[in-house]
PDB file of N, CA and C in Angstrom:
ATOM      1  N   MET A   1     122.251  -0.745 -54.004  1.00  0.00           N
ATOM      2  CA  MET A   1     121.226   0.485 -54.458  1.00  0.00           C
ATOM      3  C   MET A   1     120.042   1.072 -53.537  1.00  0.00           C
ATOM      4  N   LYS A   2     119.545   2.205 -53.346  1.00  0.00           N
ATOM      5  CA  LYS A   2     118.330   2.675 -53.077  1.00  0.00           C
ATOM      6  C   LYS A   2     117.703   2.966 -53.756  1.00  0.00           C
ATOM      7  N   ILE A   3     116.409   2.247 -53.321  1.00  0.00           N
ATOM      8  CA  ILE A   3     114.984   2.332 -53.826  1.00  0.00           C
ATOM      9  C   ILE A   3     114.611   3.835 -53.866  1.00  0.00           C
ATOM     10  N   THR A   4     114.003   4.732 -54.462  1.00  0.00           N
ATOM     11  CA  THR A   4     113.632   6.143 -54.265  1.00  0.00           C
ATOM     12  C   THR A   4     111.912   6.796 -54.652  1.00  0.00           C
ATOM     13  N   LYS A   5     111.365   5.569 -55.153  1.00  0.00           N
ATOM     14  CA  LYS A   5     109.621   5.637 -54.859  1.00  0.00           C
ATOM     15  C   LYS A   5     108.852   4.385 -55.058  1.00  0.00           C
ATOM     16  N   THR A   6     108.093   4.448 -54.751  1.00  0.00           N
ATOM     17  CA  THR A   6     107.121   3.296 -54.469  1.00  0.00           C
ATOM     18  C   THR A   6     106.836   2.562 -55.580  1.00  0.00           C
ATOM     19  N   ALA A   7     106.945   1.434 -55.476  1.00  0.00           N
ATOM     20  CA  ALA A   7     106.398   0.589 -57.076  1.00  0.00           C
ATOM     21  C   ALA A   7     105.370  -0.647 -56.838  1.00  0.00           C
ATOM     22  N   GLN A   8     105.081  -1.659 -57.305  1.00  0.00           N
ATOM     23  CA  GLN A   8     104.371  -3.000 -57.573  1.00  0.00           C
ATOM     24  C   GLN A   8     104.327  -3.893 -58.182  1.00  0.00           C
ATOM     25  N   ALA A   9     104.181  -4.839 -58.183  1.00  0.00           N
ATOM     26  CA  ALA A   9     104.180  -6.149 -59.480  1.00  0.00           C
ATOM     27  C   ALA A   9     103.175  -7.258 -58.937  1.00  0.00           C
ATOM     28  N   GLY A  10     103.023  -7.669 -59.644  1.00  0.00           N
ATOM     29  CA  GLY A  10     101.798  -8.691 -59.208  1.00  0.00           C
ATOM     30  C   GLY A  10     100.142  -8.307 -59.186  1.00  0.00           C
ATOM     31  N   ALA A  11      99.153  -9.385 -58.228  1.00  0.00           N
ATOM     32  CA  ALA A  11      98.157  -9.042 -58.940  1.00  0.00           C
ATOM     33  C   ALA A  11      97.207  -9.525 -57.111  1.00  0.00           C
ATOM     34  N   VAL A  12      96.113  -9.592 -57.151  1.00  0.00           N
ATOM     35  CA  VAL A  12      95.483  -9.756 -55.777  1.00  0.00           C
ATOM     36  C   VAL A  12      95.194 -11.061 -56.613  1.00  0.00           C
ATOM     37  N   GLU A  13      95.513 -12.353 -56.842  1.00  0.00           N
ATOM     38  CA  GLU A  13      94.291 -13.106 -57.634  1.00  0.00           C
ATOM     39  C   GLU A  13      94.675 -14.435 -56.723  1.00  0.00           C
ATOM     40  N   SER A  14      94.444 -15.189 -57.162  1.00  0.00           N
ATOM     41  CA  SER A  14      94.403 -17.050 -56.770  1.00  0.00           C
ATOM     42  C   SER A  14      95.725 -17.499 -57.570  1.00  0.00           C
ATOM     43  N   SER A  15      96.628 -17.991 -56.468  1.00  0.00           N
ATOM     44  CA  SER A  15      98.048 -18.654 -56.887  1.00  0.00           C
ATOM     45  C   SER A  15      99.404 -16.944 -57.320  1.00  0.00           C
ATOM     46  N   ASP A  16      99.030 -16.059 -56.626  1.00  0.00           N
ATOM     47  CA  ASP A  16      99.700 -14.614 -57.046  1.00  0.00           C
ATOM     48  C   ASP A  16     100.129 -14.167 -56.248  1.00  0.00           C
ATOM     49  N   VAL A  17     100.536 -13.033 -56.037  1.00  0.00           N
ATOM     50  CA  VAL A  17     100.930 -12.234 -54.936  1.00  0.00           C
ATOM     51  C   VAL A  17     101.432 -10.846 -55.424  1.00  0.00           C
ATOM     52  N   LEU A  18     100.949  -9.716 -54.745  1.00  0.00           N
ATOM     53  CA  LEU A  18     101.008  -8.292 -55.230  1.00  0.00           C
ATOM     54  C   LEU A  18     102.055  -7.892 -54.356  1.00  0.00           C
ATOM     55  N   ILE A  19     103.800  -7.203 -54.152  1.00  0.00           N
ATOM     56  CA  ILE A  19     104.328  -7.219 -54.264  1.00  0.00           C
ATOM     57  C   ILE A  19     104.575  -5.501 -54.065  1.00  0.00           C
ATOM     58  N   THR A  20     104.883  -4.326 -53.187  1.00  0.00           N
ATOM     59  CA  THR A  20     104.475  -2.981 -52.967  1.00  0.00           C
ATOM     60  C   THR A  20     105.680  -3.225 -52.359  1.00  0.00           C
ATOM     61  N   VAL A  21     107.102  -2.174 -52.995  1.00  0.00           N
ATOM     62  CA  VAL A  21     108.205  -2.063 -52.621  1.00  0.00           C
ATOM     63  C   VAL A  21     107.856  -0.138 -52.283  1.00  0.00           C
ATOM     64  N   ALA A  22     108.867  -0.060 -50.998  1.00  0.00           N
ATOM     65  CA  ALA A  22     109.052   1.443 -50.449  1.00  0.00           C
ATOM     66  C   ALA A  22     109.714   1.778 -49.759  1.00  0.00           C
ATOM     67  N   PRO A  23     110.613   3.157 -49.998  1.00  0.00           N
ATOM     68  CA  PRO A  23     111.648   2.901 -49.102  1.00  0.00           C
ATOM     69  C   PRO A  23     111.479   3.320 -47.796  1.00  0.00           C
ATOM     70  N   ASN A  24     113.096   2.812 -46.970  1.00  0.00           N
ATOM     71  CA  ASN A  24     112.503   2.521 -45.486  1.00  0.00           C
ATOM     72  C   ASN A  24     113.167   3.781 -45.050  1.00  0.00           C
ATOM     73  N   PRO A  25     113.152   4.731 -44.591  1.00  0.00           N
ATOM     74  CA  PRO A  25     113.589   5.801 -43.715  1.00  0.00           C
ATOM     75  C   PRO A  25     114.423   5.522 -42.553  1.00  0.00           C
ATOM     76  N   GLU A  26     113.823   4.312 -41.978  1.00  0.00           N
ATOM     77  CA  GLU A  26     114.426   3.779 -40.683  1.00  0.00           C
ATOM     78  C   GLU A  26     115.490   3.075 -41.122  1.00  0.00           C
ATOM     79  N   GLY A  27     116.022   2.777 -42.396  1.00  0.00           N
ATOM     80  CA  GLY A  27     117.113   1.541 -43.172  1.00  0.00           C
ATOM     81  C   GLY A  27     116.756   0.152 -42.942  1.00  0.00           C
ATOM     82  N   GLY A  28     117.471  -0.092 -43.735  1.00  0.00           N
ATOM     83  CA  GLY A  28     117.632  -1.621 -43.722  1.00  0.00           C
ATOM     84  C   GLY A  28     116.303  -2.220 -44.298  1.00  0.00           C
ATOM     85  N   ILE A  29     115.925  -3.632 -44.788  1.00  0.00           N
ATOM     86  CA  ILE A  29     114.993  -4.650 -45.336  1.00  0.00           C
ATOM     87  C   ILE A  29     114.083  -5.037 -44.281  1.00  0.00           C
ATOM     88  N   LYS A  30     112.905  -4.410 -44.625  1.00  0.00           N
ATOM     89  CA  LYS A  30     111.525  -4.818 -43.814  1.00  0.00           C
ATOM     90  C   LYS A  30     110.698  -5.842 -44.784  1.00  0.00           C
ATOM     91  N   ILE A  31     110.011  -6.809 -44.219  1.00  0.00           N
ATOM     92  CA  ILE A  31     109.284  -7.646 -45.254  1.00  0.00           C
ATOM     93  C   ILE A  31     108.318  -7.782 -43.765  1.00  0.00           C
ATOM     94  N   GLU A  32     106.948  -6.955 -44.532  1.00  0.00           N
ATOM     95  CA  GLU A  32     105.412  -7.542 -44.300  1.00  0.00           C
ATOM     96  C   GLU A  32     104.691  -8.120 -45.133  1.00  0.00           C
ATOM     97  N   LEU A  33     104.260  -9.052 -43.880  1.00  0.00           N
ATOM     98  CA  LEU A  33     103.355 -10.025 -45.344  1.00  0.00           C
ATOM     99  C   LEU A  33     102.324 -10.235 -44.714  1.00  0.00           C
ATOM    100  N   GLU A  34     100.895 -10.507 -45.620  1.00  0.00           N
ATOM    101  CA  GLU A  34     100.065 -10.596 -45.697  1.00  0.00           C
ATOM    102  C   GLU A  34      99.381 -11.857 -46.234  1.00  0.00           C
ATOM    103  N   THR A  35      98.494 -12.573 -45.357  1.00  0.00           N
ATOM    104  CA  THR A  35      98.511 -13.930 -45.848  1.00  0.00           C
ATOM    105  C   THR A  35      97.611 -14.646 -45.059  1.00  0.00           C
ATOM    106  N   LYS A  36      96.609 -15.535 -45.840  1.00  0.00           N
ATOM    107  CA  LYS A  36      95.939 -16.368 -44.067  1.00  0.00           C
ATOM    108  C   LYS A  36      97.241 -16.782 -43.186  1.00  0.00           C
ATOM    109  N   ARG A  37      96.001 -17.427 -41.778  1.00  0.00           N
ATOM    110  CA  ARG A  37      97.133 -17.704 -40.859  1.00  0.00           C
ATOM    111  C   ARG A  37      97.725 -18.987 -40.772  1.00  0.00           C
ATOM    112  N   VAL A  38      96.949 -19.460 -41.565  1.00  0.00           N
ATOM    113  CA  VAL A  38      97.840 -21.241 -42.029  1.00  0.00           C
ATOM    114  C   VAL A  38      98.661 -21.107 -42.552  1.00  0.00           C
ATOM    115  N   ILE A  39      98.487 -20.514 -43.587  1.00  0.00           N
ATOM    116  CA  ILE A  39      99.734 -20.503 -44.734  1.00  0.00           C
ATOM    117  C   ILE A  39     101.231 -19.575 -44.263  1.00  0.00           C
ATOM    118  N   GLU A  40     100.786 -18.472 -43.193  1.00  0.00           N
ATOM    119  CA  GLU A  40     102.067 -18.365 -42.836  1.00  0.00           C
ATOM    120  C   GLU A  40     102.338 -18.836 -41.197  1.00  0.00           C
ATOM    121  N   LYS A  41     101.646 -19.263 -40.620  1.00  0.00           N
ATOM    122  CA  LYS A  41     102.527 -20.574 -39.657  1.00  0.00           C
ATOM    123  C   LYS A  41     103.390 -21.706 -40.534  1.00  0.00           C
ATOM    124  N   GLN A  42     102.779 -22.092 -41.997  1.00  0.00           N
ATOM    125  CA  GLN A  42     103.424 -22.884 -42.200  1.00  0.00           C
ATOM    126  C   GLN A  42     104.963 -22.860 -43.374  1.00  0.00           C
ATOM    127  N   PHE A  43     104.424 -21.534 -44.101  1.00  0.00           N
ATOM    128  CA  PHE A  43     105.291 -21.053 -44.734  1.00  0.00           C
ATOM    129  C   PHE A  43     105.714 -19.553 -44.518  1.00  0.00           C
ATOM    130  N   GLY A  44     105.277 -19.207 -43.952  1.00  0.00           N
ATOM    131  CA  GLY A  44     105.965 -17.449 -43.644  1.00  0.00           C
ATOM    132  C   GLY A  44     107.217 -17.092 -43.624  1.00  0.00           C
ATOM    133  N   GLN A  45     107.643 -18.259 -42.799  1.00  0.00           N
ATOM    134  CA  GLN A  45     108.860 -18.183 -42.734  1.00  0.00           C
ATOM    135  C   GLN A  45     109.892 -18.181 -44.088  1.00  0.00           C
ATOM    136  N   GLN A  46     109.733 -19.275 -44.708  1.00  0.00           N
ATOM    137  CA  GLN A  46     110.164 -19.688 -45.931  1.00  0.00           C
ATOM    138  C   GLN A  46     109.965 -18.709 -46.909  1.00  0.00           C
ATOM    139  N   ILE A  47     108.948 -17.966 -47.075  1.00  0.00           N
ATOM    140  CA  ILE A  47     107.831 -16.397 -48.142  1.00  0.00           C
ATOM    141  C   ILE A  47     108.966 -15.355 -48.107  1.00  0.00           C
ATOM    142  N   GLU A  48     109.440 -15.341 -46.550  1.00  0.00           N
ATOM    143  CA  GLU A  48     109.997 -13.865 -45.848  1.00  0.00           C
ATOM    144  C   GLU A  48     111.946 -13.967 -46.302  1.00  0.00           C
ATOM    145  N   LYS A  49     112.054 -16.109 -46.666  1.00  0.00           N
ATOM    146  CA  LYS A  49     113.461 -15.967 -47.003  1.00  0.00           C
ATOM    147  C   LYS A  49     113.878 -15.666 -48.009  1.00  0.00           C
ATOM    148  N   VAL A  50     112.834 -15.964 -49.400  1.00  0.00           N
ATOM    149  CA  VAL A  50     112.948 -16.075 -50.496  1.00  0.00           C
ATOM    150  C   VAL A  50     112.805 -14.173 -51.018  1.00  0.00           C
ATOM    151  N   ILE A  51     112.195 -13.460 -50.164  1.00  0.00           N
ATOM    152  CA  ILE A  51     112.026 -12.009 -50.288  1.00  0.00           C
ATOM    153  C   ILE A  51     112.954 -11.622 -50.662  1.00  0.00           C
ATOM    154  N   ARG A  52     113.830 -11.708 -49.001  1.00  0.00           N
ATOM    155  CA  ARG A  52     115.211 -11.212 -48.583  1.00  0.00           C
ATOM    156  C   ARG A  52     116.287 -11.180 -49.572  1.00  0.00           C
ATOM    157  N   GLU A  53     116.516 -12.994 -49.819  1.00  0.00           N
ATOM    158  CA  GLU A  53     117.716 -13.433 -50.760  1.00  0.00           C
ATOM    159  C   GLU A  53     117.125 -12.304 -51.748  1.00  0.00           C
ATOM    160  N   THR A  54     116.048 -12.297 -52.148  1.00  0.00           N
ATOM    161  CA  THR A  54     115.899 -11.556 -53.865  1.00  0.00           C
ATOM    162  C   THR A  54     116.114  -9.875 -53.772  1.00  0.00           C
ATOM    163  N   VAL A  55     116.346  -9.525 -52.345  1.00  0.00           N
ATOM    164  CA  VAL A  55     116.123  -7.913 -52.273  1.00  0.00           C
ATOM    165  C   VAL A  55     117.720  -8.193 -52.588  1.00  0.00           C
ATOM    166  N   GLU A  56     118.279  -8.867 -51.572  1.00  0.00           N
ATOM    167  CA  GLU A  56     119.929  -8.892 -51.663  1.00  0.00           C
ATOM    168  C   GLU A  56     120.762  -9.433 -52.408  1.00  0.00           C
ATOM    169  N   ALA A  57     120.526 -10.116 -53.309  1.00  0.00           N
ATOM    170  CA  ALA A  57     120.227 -10.722 -54.768  1.00  0.00           C
ATOM    171  C   ALA A  57     120.726  -8.854 -55.646  1.00  0.00           C
ATOM    172  N   LEU A  58     119.770  -8.106 -55.220  1.00  0.00           N
ATOM    173  CA  LEU A  58     119.738  -7.291 -56.481  1.00  0.00           C
ATOM    174  C   LEU A  58     120.233  -6.284 -55.534  1.00  0.00           C
ATOM    175  N   ASN A  59     121.273  -6.049 -54.570  1.00  0.00           N
ATOM    176  CA  ASN A  59     122.358  -5.138 -53.601  1.00  0.00           C
ATOM    177  C   ASN A  59     120.952  -3.887 -53.397  1.00  0.00           C
ATOM    178  N   VAL A  60     119.798  -3.969 -52.927  1.00  0.00           N
ATOM    179  CA  VAL A  60     118.941  -3.304 -52.520  1.00  0.00           C
ATOM    180  C   VAL A  60     118.585  -2.682 -51.087  1.00  0.00           C
ATOM    181  N   GLU A  61     118.667  -1.332 -50.741  1.00  0.00           N
ATOM    182  CA  GLU A  61     118.808  -1.454 -49.394  1.00  0.00           C
ATOM    183  C   GLU A  61     117.924  -0.600 -49.063  1.00  0.00           C
ATOM    184  N   ASP A  62     117.815  -0.706 -47.329  1.00  0.00           N
ATOM    185  CA  ASP A  62     116.266   0.304 -47.242  1.00  0.00           C
ATOM    186  C   ASP A  62     115.148   0.423 -47.963  1.00  0.00           C
ATOM    187  N   VAL A  63     114.658  -0.758 -48.182  1.00  0.00           N
ATOM    188  CA  VAL A  63     113.252  -0.959 -48.314  1.00  0.00           C
ATOM    189  C   VAL A  63     112.352  -1.438 -47.853  1.00  0.00           C
ATOM    190  N   ILE A  64     111.178  -1.515 -47.772  1.00  0.00           N
ATOM    191  CA  ILE A  64     110.222  -1.879 -47.284  1.00  0.00           C
ATOM    192  C   ILE A  64     109.188  -2.353 -48.521  1.00  0.00           C
ATOM    193  N   VAL A  65     109.019  -3.946 -48.264  1.00  0.00           N
ATOM    194  CA  VAL A  65     108.774  -5.066 -49.135  1.00  0.00           C
ATOM    195  C   VAL A  65     107.033  -5.574 -48.235  1.00  0.00           C
ATOM    196  N   LYS A  66     105.760  -5.102 -48.878  1.00  0.00           N
ATOM    197  CA  LYS A  66     105.259  -5.711 -48.723  1.00  0.00           C
ATOM    198  C   LYS A  66     104.114  -6.191 -49.847  1.00  0.00           C
ATOM    199  N   ALA A  67     103.962  -8.101 -49.172  1.00  0.00           N
ATOM    200  CA  ALA A  67     103.734  -8.849 -49.950  1.00  0.00           C
ATOM    201  C   ALA A  67     102.079  -8.651 -49.209  1.00  0.00           C
ATOM    202  N   GLN A  68     101.246  -9.188 -50.806  1.00  0.00           N
ATOM    203  CA  GLN A  68      99.889  -9.454 -50.122  1.00  0.00           C
ATOM    204  C   GLN A  68      99.432 -10.991 -50.880  1.00  0.00           C
ATOM    205  N   ASP A  69      99.655 -11.874 -50.291  1.00  0.00           N
ATOM    206  CA  ASP A  69      99.379 -13.522 -50.732  1.00  0.00           C
ATOM    207  C   ASP A  69      98.626 -13.887 -50.747  1.00  0.00           C
ATOM    208  N   LYS A  70      98.687 -14.498 -51.938  1.00  0.00           N
ATOM    209  CA  LYS A  70      97.492 -15.518 -52.241  1.00  0.00           C
ATOM    210  C   LYS A  70      97.607 -16.636 -52.844  1.00  0.00           C
ATOM    211  N   GLY A  71      98.916 -17.435 -52.381  1.00  0.00           N
ATOM    212  CA  GLY A  71      99.030 -18.808 -52.842  1.00  0.00           C
ATOM    213  C   GLY A  71      99.961 -18.818 -53.879  1.00  0.00           C
ATOM    214  N   ALA A  72     100.807 -17.680 -53.936  1.00  0.00           N
ATOM    215  CA  ALA A  72     101.856 -17.969 -54.800  1.00  0.00           C
ATOM    216  C   ALA A  72     102.945 -18.503 -54.179  1.00  0.00           C
ATOM    217  N   LEU A  73     103.528 -19.407 -55.100  1.00  0.00           N
ATOM    218  CA  LEU A  73     104.864 -20.636 -55.212  1.00  0.00           C
ATOM    219  C   LEU A  73     106.556 -19.221 -54.912  1.00  0.00           C
ATOM    220  N   ASP A  74     107.247 -19.408 -54.518  1.00  0.00           N
ATOM    221  CA  ASP A  74     108.845 -19.606 -54.768  1.00  0.00           C
ATOM    222  C   ASP A  74     109.259 -18.213 -55.906  1.00  0.00           C
ATOM    223  N   TYR A  75     108.681 -19.325 -57.038  1.00  0.00           N
ATOM    224  CA  TYR A  75     109.481 -18.477 -58.468  1.00  0.00           C
ATOM    225  C   TYR A  75     108.448 -16.877 -58.630  1.00  0.00           C
ATOM    226  N   THR A  76     107.287 -17.096 -58.018  1.00  0.00           N
ATOM    227  CA  THR A  76     106.105 -16.068 -58.423  1.00  0.00           C
ATOM    228  C   THR A  76     106.688 -14.953 -57.504  1.00  0.00           C
ATOM    229  N   TYR A  77     107.123 -14.892 -56.590  1.00  0.00           N
ATOM    230  CA  TYR A  77     107.883 -14.189 -55.116  1.00  0.00           C
ATOM    231  C   TYR A  77     109.123 -13.906 -55.929  1.00  0.00           C
ATOM    232  N   ARG A  78     109.873 -14.386 -56.302  1.00  0.00           N
ATOM    233  CA  ARG A  78     111.348 -13.776 -56.969  1.00  0.00           C
ATOM    234  C   ARG A  78     110.766 -12.875 -58.244  1.00  0.00           C
ATOM    235  N   ALA A  79     110.062 -13.065 -58.935  1.00  0.00           N
ATOM    236  CA  ALA A  79     109.844 -12.662 -60.106  1.00  0.00           C
ATOM    237  C   ALA A  79     109.176 -11.264 -59.656  1.00  0.00           C
ATOM    238  N   ARG A  80     107.922 -11.309 -59.136  1.00  0.00           N
ATOM    239  CA  ARG A  80     107.490 -10.191 -58.480  1.00  0.00           C
ATOM    240  C   ARG A  80     108.286  -9.286 -57.594  1.00  0.00           C
ATOM    241  N   VAL A  81     109.234  -9.461 -56.931  1.00  0.00           N
ATOM    242  CA  VAL A  81     109.633  -8.992 -56.222  1.00  0.00           C
ATOM    243  C   VAL A  81     111.310  -8.001 -57.093  1.00  0.00           C
ATOM    244  N   GLN A  82     111.474  -8.626 -57.486  1.00  0.00           N
ATOM    245  CA  GLN A  82     112.649  -8.300 -58.914  1.00  0.00           C
ATOM    246  C   GLN A  82     111.568  -7.259 -59.877  1.00  0.00           C
ATOM    247  N   ALA A  83     110.256  -7.306 -59.970  1.00  0.00           N
ATOM    248  CA  ALA A  83     110.143  -6.719 -60.638  1.00  0.00           C
ATOM    249  C   ALA A  83     109.890  -5.506 -60.454  1.00  0.00           C
ATOM    250  N   ALA A  84     108.840  -5.152 -58.718  1.00  0.00           N
ATOM    251  CA  ALA A  84     108.936  -4.314 -58.524  1.00  0.00           C
ATOM    252  C   ALA A  84     110.059  -3.060 -57.864  1.00  0.00           C
ATOM    253  N   LEU A  85     110.492  -4.155 -57.711  1.00  0.00           N
ATOM    254  CA  LEU A  85     112.079  -2.461 -57.263  1.00  0.00           C
ATOM    255  C   LEU A  85     112.531  -2.609 -58.818  1.00  0.00           C
ATOM    256  N   GLU A  86     112.661  -3.145 -59.804  1.00  0.00           N
ATOM    257  CA  GLU A  86     113.269  -2.400 -60.904  1.00  0.00           C
ATOM    258  C   GLU A  86     112.593  -1.568 -61.760  1.00  0.00           C
ATOM    259  N   ARG A  87     111.243  -1.536 -61.463  1.00  0.00           N
ATOM    260  CA  ARG A  87     110.102  -0.703 -61.214  1.00  0.00           C
ATOM    261  C   ARG A  87     110.670   0.721 -60.660  1.00  0.00           C
ATOM    262  N   ALA A  88     111.198   0.072 -58.945  1.00  0.00           N
ATOM    263  CA  ALA A  88     110.794   1.824 -57.825  1.00  0.00           C
ATOM    264  C   ALA A  88     112.658   2.008 -58.130  1.00  0.00           C
ATOM    265  N   LEU A  89     113.044   0.967 -58.639  1.00  0.00           N
ATOM    266  CA  LEU A  89     114.615   2.129 -58.971  1.00  0.00           C
ATOM    267  C   LEU A  89     114.383   3.317 -60.644  1.00  0.00           C
TER     268      LEU A  89
END
């Protein structure tokens, strides 16, 4: 599936994440992570893995996923990415 519009889910609050999804005209899945440098060093790969797995599980192609992290856990990432993608479809 391909998304047709930009959508968001989540919030920029402690222990949450704001996920924004938009169509990627260049193709493929692109992930942009905004978080504290320490968090990115320790957990950046895991966060990107969770986002990518969620996008792929929903069979979405050609999407840009922007994540503004404030200390969210994996299950929060999954829920926010899924909600944003469903809103964008």
